[in-house]
Amino acid sequence: MKTISLLLLSALGCCWAAEATAKTQWMDVILERQQASTWTAVDPGLVLNQGDVIRFRFRSNFDGYLYVTNRGSSGTEMLLFPREETGKANRIQSGRDYLIPATESYFRVSGPEGYDSIYWLVSPVSLSVGSSMPKMPESNLPPSDLRPERPATLTPRCDPAQLRARGFCIDSEAGVRNVEDPAKAPGKIAQTPDLQPRDLTMIQNKNRTRISTGGALGGPALYEFRLAHK
């Protein structure tokens, strides 16, 4: 899968605007794949094929600003959201469902076989994003000169138990996970004020993954959706 434009985030140093509450905060993320004209929620560990068309569904029980960035299997780091083609309104409100992309566009899987690491950053404050972003090509893929070739070091594998149970190629190494070292996150994400490892719990219920804090975050949250593809 390839994304759209290099992330250019300039973080604003600020604390949460409101006092943190004691209640558990959570975020839900669902991967959806288009088959024919129908969008279907799929297992986050599903090994996708070249050309598959996908999008994400997001929901949280707290307010903030959402930024989604991809480090592709070729090594290229690109901004997925917000941007002109995928929607610029990235303010999220508690209890509302959001589609990423937020427009009629979509993401198409491409690039060397391996994993795309999609980073989800929820910030208490709005972050400024570079304004000079190239237009998304007609194919929904970045131009070829933005796709440097780099041999994939990891190859998605089907979990035999998952394959027998579901009939799909499910990679147990794919899906949602913690970011243990935010300093290794793409681009300027690592410079977000108060960005630090969080004690996040990932709970998968069918095709929905809930990222739970066990309490109030008290600062920006970052997690990774590892997308496996052939």
Foldseek 3Di string as FASTA:
>chain_A
DAAFAAWDWDADDDWQPDDFFWDKKKKKKFKWWDDPNDIDTAALQFAAEAFIWIKMKMAIQAKFFKWKWKQDLQRFIGTQDDDDVQHPPGTHHHPDMAITSNDPDTAGDDAAFDKMKMKMKTFSDDIDTDDDTDDQDPVNHYDPVSRHGDHGPDHFAADVVCCVVPVGRGGPVFFKDWDQQLCPDDDCSSVHPPDHGAPWDWDDDRRMIMTMRSTTPRGMGMIIGIHGYD
